[in-house]
Amino acid sequence: MNDLTDLFDTAPPAEPSDLLIGLEVKLPDKCPSCERHVALIGPGVAMHKAALRCVCGRHRGWVSNVSYAFLQKIISTFGRPGTPIAIQRGSAIAQIAKQDEYLKRKFTPEGVSWYDVITEASGFAPESTSSSEETNEIAPAPIDAGEGN
């Protein structure tokens, strides 16, 4: 007679972080040892959520909190991808600032910068003082997605 426990999966459900272990990501720079761009996500250490290791075994860095949350959301929504996901290095704040500068130099056919169009549509226009009931509150500080997080 079969054991009834064989009928049920008694293993605890996988932790969300387990979904990322072994996931291939493509980094913008080459590994100094083997010159490949692909790294694997491994378990984190201490305050780091996950590590990046080249396929040759060399440590390539840490997964930022923002990238970690993004990858978890992608995998939980769509499943594990069949090809490596490209990850950019650097601060999200720096990338947003570059994008803002680019949008300030691009104009609609009416001559308005796309930066102004987007900030006005979002409801957060830092330069505007349109309401007399305006408060002195500011938007929350952006999350730093640098390599140390």
C-alpha atoms as a PDB file:
ATOM      1  CA  MET A   1       0.000   0.000   0.000  1.00  0.00           C
ATOM      2  CA  ASN A   2       1.249   3.508  -0.880  1.00  0.00           C
ATOM      3  CA  ASP A   3       2.008   5.986   1.829  1.00  0.00           C
ATOM      4  CA  LEU A   4      -0.648   8.749   1.817  1.00  0.00           C
ATOM      5  CA  THR A   5       2.030  11.395   2.279  1.00  0.00           C
ATOM      6  CA  ASP A   6       3.227  10.630  -1.258  1.00  0.00           C
ATOM      7  CA  LEU A   7      -0.056  12.047  -2.572  1.00  0.00           C
ATOM      8  CA  PHE A   8       0.593  15.529  -1.234  1.00  0.00           C
ATOM      9  CA  ASP A   9       3.450  17.939  -1.710  1.00  0.00           C
ATOM     10  CA  THR A  10       4.619  18.474   1.852  1.00  0.00           C
ATOM     11  CA  ALA A  11       7.516  20.763   0.942  1.00  0.00           C
ATOM     12  CA  PRO A  12       7.037  24.352   2.082  1.00  0.00           C
ATOM     13  CA  PRO A  13       6.251  26.813  -0.711  1.00  0.00           C
ATOM     14  CA  ALA A  14       9.242  28.461  -2.325  1.00  0.00           C
ATOM     15  CA  GLU A  15      10.221  31.828  -0.939  1.00  0.00           C
ATOM     16  CA  PRO A  16       9.924  34.666  -3.475  1.00  0.00           C
ATOM     17  CA  SER A  17      13.705  35.081  -3.390  1.00  0.00           C
ATOM     18  CA  ASP A  18      14.075  31.432  -4.444  1.00  0.00           C
ATOM     19  CA  LEU A  19      12.427  32.397  -7.726  1.00  0.00           C
ATOM     20  CA  LEU A  20      15.457  34.513  -8.593  1.00  0.00           C
ATOM     21  CA  ILE A  21      18.184  31.992  -7.758  1.00  0.00           C
ATOM     22  CA  GLY A  22      19.829  30.801 -10.954  1.00  0.00           C
ATOM     23  CA  LEU A  23      18.151  33.418 -13.137  1.00  0.00           C
ATOM     24  CA  GLU A  24      20.426  34.608 -15.956  1.00  0.00           C
ATOM     25  CA  VAL A  25      20.894  38.349 -16.368  1.00  0.00           C
ATOM     26  CA  LYS A  26      22.892  40.280 -18.941  1.00  0.00           C
ATOM     27  CA  LEU A  27      25.210  42.949 -17.545  1.00  0.00           C
ATOM     28  CA  PRO A  28      26.435  45.939 -19.583  1.00  0.00           C
ATOM     29  CA  ASP A  29      30.091  45.210 -18.869  1.00  0.00           C
ATOM     30  CA  LYS A  30      32.169  42.109 -19.523  1.00  0.00           C
ATOM     31  CA  CYS A  31      33.570  39.842 -16.841  1.00  0.00           C
ATOM     32  CA  PRO A  32      37.307  40.557 -16.413  1.00  0.00           C
ATOM     33  CA  SER A  33      38.014  36.803 -16.227  1.00  0.00           C
ATOM     34  CA  CYS A  34      36.043  35.289 -19.122  1.00  0.00           C
ATOM     35  CA  GLU A  35      34.733  38.397 -20.961  1.00  0.00           C
ATOM     36  CA  ARG A  36      31.098  37.258 -20.877  1.00  0.00           C
ATOM     37  CA  HIS A  37      28.155  39.536 -20.151  1.00  0.00           C
ATOM     38  CA  VAL A  38      25.899  36.876 -18.593  1.00  0.00           C
ATOM     39  CA  ALA A  39      25.724  36.411 -14.825  1.00  0.00           C
ATOM     40  CA  LEU A  40      23.575  34.255 -12.570  1.00  0.00           C
ATOM     41  CA  ILE A  41      21.630  35.511  -9.570  1.00  0.00           C
ATOM     42  CA  GLY A  42      22.687  33.795  -6.377  1.00  0.00           C
ATOM     43  CA  PRO A  43      21.684  34.090  -2.739  1.00  0.00           C
ATOM     44  CA  GLY A  44      22.321  37.331  -0.905  1.00  0.00           C
ATOM     45  CA  VAL A  45      24.549  37.921   2.076  1.00  0.00           C
ATOM     46  CA  ALA A  46      23.811  40.173   5.059  1.00  0.00           C
ATOM     47  CA  MET A  47      21.971  43.275   3.816  1.00  0.00           C
ATOM     48  CA  HIS A  48      22.242  42.286   0.136  1.00  0.00           C
ATOM     49  CA  LYS A  49      19.154  40.617  -1.315  1.00  0.00           C
ATOM     50  CA  ALA A  50      21.020  38.698  -4.012  1.00  0.00           C
ATOM     51  CA  ALA A  51      24.456  38.344  -5.579  1.00  0.00           C
ATOM     52  CA  LEU A  52      25.551  38.373  -9.214  1.00  0.00           C
ATOM     53  CA  ARG A  53      28.042  35.691 -10.203  1.00  0.00           C
ATOM     54  CA  CYS A  54      29.511  35.237 -13.643  1.00  0.00           C
ATOM     55  CA  VAL A  55      29.062  31.813 -15.210  1.00  0.00           C
ATOM     56  CA  CYS A  56      32.820  31.351 -14.606  1.00  0.00           C
ATOM     57  CA  GLY A  57      32.197  31.823 -10.851  1.00  0.00           C
ATOM     58  CA  ARG A  58      33.590  35.340 -10.395  1.00  0.00           C
ATOM     59  CA  HIS A  59      31.580  37.734  -8.169  1.00  0.00           C
ATOM     60  CA  ARG A  60      30.137  40.504 -10.381  1.00  0.00           C
ATOM     61  CA  GLY A  61      28.248  42.584  -7.818  1.00  0.00           C
ATOM     62  CA  TRP A  62      25.012  42.789  -5.890  1.00  0.00           C
ATOM     63  CA  VAL A  63      21.441  43.085  -7.132  1.00  0.00           C
ATOM     64  CA  SER A  64      20.007  46.452  -6.069  1.00  0.00           C
ATOM     65  CA  ASN A  65      16.771  46.527  -4.077  1.00  0.00           C
ATOM     66  CA  VAL A  66      14.970  48.126  -7.029  1.00  0.00           C
ATOM     67  CA  SER A  67      16.207  45.512  -9.513  1.00  0.00           C
ATOM     68  CA  TYR A  68      15.407  42.721  -7.046  1.00  0.00           C
ATOM     69  CA  ALA A  69      11.810  43.909  -6.603  1.00  0.00           C
ATOM     70  CA  PHE A  70      11.429  44.396 -10.368  1.00  0.00           C
ATOM     71  CA  LEU A  71      12.686  40.890 -11.158  1.00  0.00           C
ATOM     72  CA  GLN A  72      10.438  39.347  -8.501  1.00  0.00           C
ATOM     73  CA  LYS A  73       7.424  41.126  -9.992  1.00  0.00           C
ATOM     74  CA  ILE A  74       8.310  40.043 -13.538  1.00  0.00           C
ATOM     75  CA  ILE A  75       8.768  36.397 -12.539  1.00  0.00           C
ATOM     76  CA  SER A  76       5.663  36.237 -10.355  1.00  0.00           C
ATOM     77  CA  THR A  77       3.590  37.846 -13.128  1.00  0.00           C
ATOM     78  CA  PHE A  78       4.978  36.224 -16.283  1.00  0.00           C
ATOM     79  CA  GLY A  79       7.136  33.301 -15.083  1.00  0.00           C
ATOM     80  CA  ARG A  80      10.857  32.791 -15.548  1.00  0.00           C
ATOM     81  CA  PRO A  81      12.138  34.223 -18.832  1.00  0.00           C
ATOM     82  CA  GLY A  82      13.855  31.975 -21.338  1.00  0.00           C
ATOM     83  CA  THR A  83      16.528  34.552 -22.166  1.00  0.00           C
ATOM     84  CA  PRO A  84      18.666  36.708 -19.854  1.00  0.00           C
ATOM     85  CA  ILE A  85      17.133  39.966 -18.630  1.00  0.00           C
ATOM     86  CA  ALA A  86      19.338  43.012 -19.191  1.00  0.00           C
ATOM     87  CA  ILE A  87      20.263  44.847 -15.990  1.00  0.00           C
ATOM     88  CA  GLN A  88      21.865  48.298 -16.039  1.00  0.00           C
ATOM     89  CA  ARG A  89      24.344  49.427 -13.426  1.00  0.00           C
ATOM     90  CA  GLY A  90      24.248  52.768 -11.689  1.00  0.00           C
ATOM     91  CA  SER A  91      21.850  54.904  -9.795  1.00  0.00           C
ATOM     92  CA  ALA A  92      18.216  55.171 -10.810  1.00  0.00           C
ATOM     93  CA  ILE A  93      18.386  58.811  -9.759  1.00  0.00           C
ATOM     94  CA  ALA A  94      21.206  59.471 -12.233  1.00  0.00           C
ATOM     95  CA  GLN A  95      19.308  57.696 -15.004  1.00  0.00           C
ATOM     96  CA  ILE A  96      16.142  59.688 -14.290  1.00  0.00           C
ATOM     97  CA  ALA A  97      18.151  62.931 -14.340  1.00  0.00           C
ATOM     98  CA  LYS A  98      19.615  61.984 -17.748  1.00  0.00           C
ATOM     99  CA  GLN A  99      16.149  61.205 -19.051  1.00  0.00           C
ATOM    100  CA  ASP A 100      14.819  64.535 -17.743  1.00  0.00           C
ATOM    101  CA  GLU A 101      17.626  66.431 -19.481  1.00  0.00           C
ATOM    102  CA  TYR A 102      16.917  64.592 -22.724  1.00  0.00           C
ATOM    103  CA  LEU A 103      13.179  65.357 -22.522  1.00  0.00           C
ATOM    104  CA  LYS A 104      13.881  69.041 -21.829  1.00  0.00           C
ATOM    105  CA  ARG A 105      15.623  69.230 -25.227  1.00  0.00           C
ATOM    106  CA  LYS A 106      12.851  67.478 -27.193  1.00  0.00           C
ATOM    107  CA  PHE A 107       9.804  69.490 -28.225  1.00  0.00           C
ATOM    108  CA  THR A 108       6.258  68.798 -29.374  1.00  0.00           C
ATOM    109  CA  PRO A 109       5.052  70.319 -32.685  1.00  0.00           C
ATOM    110  CA  GLU A 110       3.566  73.140 -30.566  1.00  0.00           C
ATOM    111  CA  GLY A 111       7.022  74.014 -29.187  1.00  0.00           C
ATOM    112  CA  VAL A 112       6.500  72.673 -25.635  1.00  0.00           C
ATOM    113  CA  SER A 113       9.219  70.453 -24.174  1.00  0.00           C
ATOM    114  CA  TRP A 114       8.219  66.855 -23.551  1.00  0.00           C
ATOM    115  CA  TYR A 115       9.508  67.277 -19.981  1.00  0.00           C
ATOM    116  CA  ASP A 116       6.891  69.982 -19.385  1.00  0.00           C
ATOM    117  CA  VAL A 117       4.156  67.887 -21.001  1.00  0.00           C
ATOM    118  CA  ILE A 118       4.950  64.871 -18.823  1.00  0.00           C
ATOM    119  CA  THR A 119       5.373  66.739 -15.531  1.00  0.00           C
ATOM    120  CA  GLU A 120       2.155  68.677 -16.106  1.00  0.00           C
ATOM    121  CA  ALA A 121       0.230  65.496 -16.976  1.00  0.00           C
ATOM    122  CA  SER A 122       1.605  63.734 -13.885  1.00  0.00           C
ATOM    123  CA  GLY A 123       0.372  66.508 -11.603  1.00  0.00           C
ATOM    124  CA  PHE A 124       3.853  67.189 -10.287  1.00  0.00           C
ATOM    125  CA  ALA A 125       5.321  70.232 -11.938  1.00  0.00           C
ATOM    126  CA  PRO A 126       8.150  71.473  -9.665  1.00  0.00           C
ATOM    127  CA  GLU A 127       8.347  74.923 -11.279  1.00  0.00           C
ATOM    128  CA  SER A 128       4.610  75.645 -11.204  1.00  0.00           C
ATOM    129  CA  THR A 129       2.877  77.774  -8.595  1.00  0.00           C
ATOM    130  CA  SER A 130      -0.628  77.562  -9.960  1.00  0.00           C
ATOM    131  CA  SER A 131      -2.663  77.378  -6.770  1.00  0.00           C
ATOM    132  CA  SER A 132      -2.903  79.806  -3.885  1.00  0.00           C
ATOM    133  CA  GLU A 133      -3.761  76.849  -1.635  1.00  0.00           C
ATOM    134  CA  GLU A 134      -0.475  75.184  -2.455  1.00  0.00           C
ATOM    135  CA  THR A 135       1.329  73.551   0.437  1.00  0.00           C
ATOM    136  CA  ASN A 136       5.031  73.573   1.048  1.00  0.00           C
ATOM    137  CA  GLU A 137       5.184  69.779   0.852  1.00  0.00           C
ATOM    138  CA  ILE A 138       7.572  68.192  -1.590  1.00  0.00           C
ATOM    139  CA  ALA A 139       7.511  64.831  -3.315  1.00  0.00           C
ATOM    140  CA  PRO A 140       9.125  61.956  -1.405  1.00  0.00           C
ATOM    141  CA  ALA A 141      12.773  61.380  -2.117  1.00  0.00           C
ATOM    142  CA  PRO A 142      13.427  58.779  -4.816  1.00  0.00           C
ATOM    143  CA  ILE A 143      14.886  55.421  -3.840  1.00  0.00           C
ATOM    144  CA  ASP A 144      18.598  55.181  -4.505  1.00  0.00           C
ATOM    145  CA  ALA A 145      19.188  52.100  -6.640  1.00  0.00           C
ATOM    146  CA  GLY A 146      22.943  52.250  -6.559  1.00  0.00           C
ATOM    147  CA  GLU A 147      25.155  49.186  -6.474  1.00  0.00           C
ATOM    148  CA  GLY A 148      25.353  49.268  -2.662  1.00  0.00           C
ATOM    149  CA  ASN A 149      21.625  48.641  -2.170  1.00  0.00           C
END
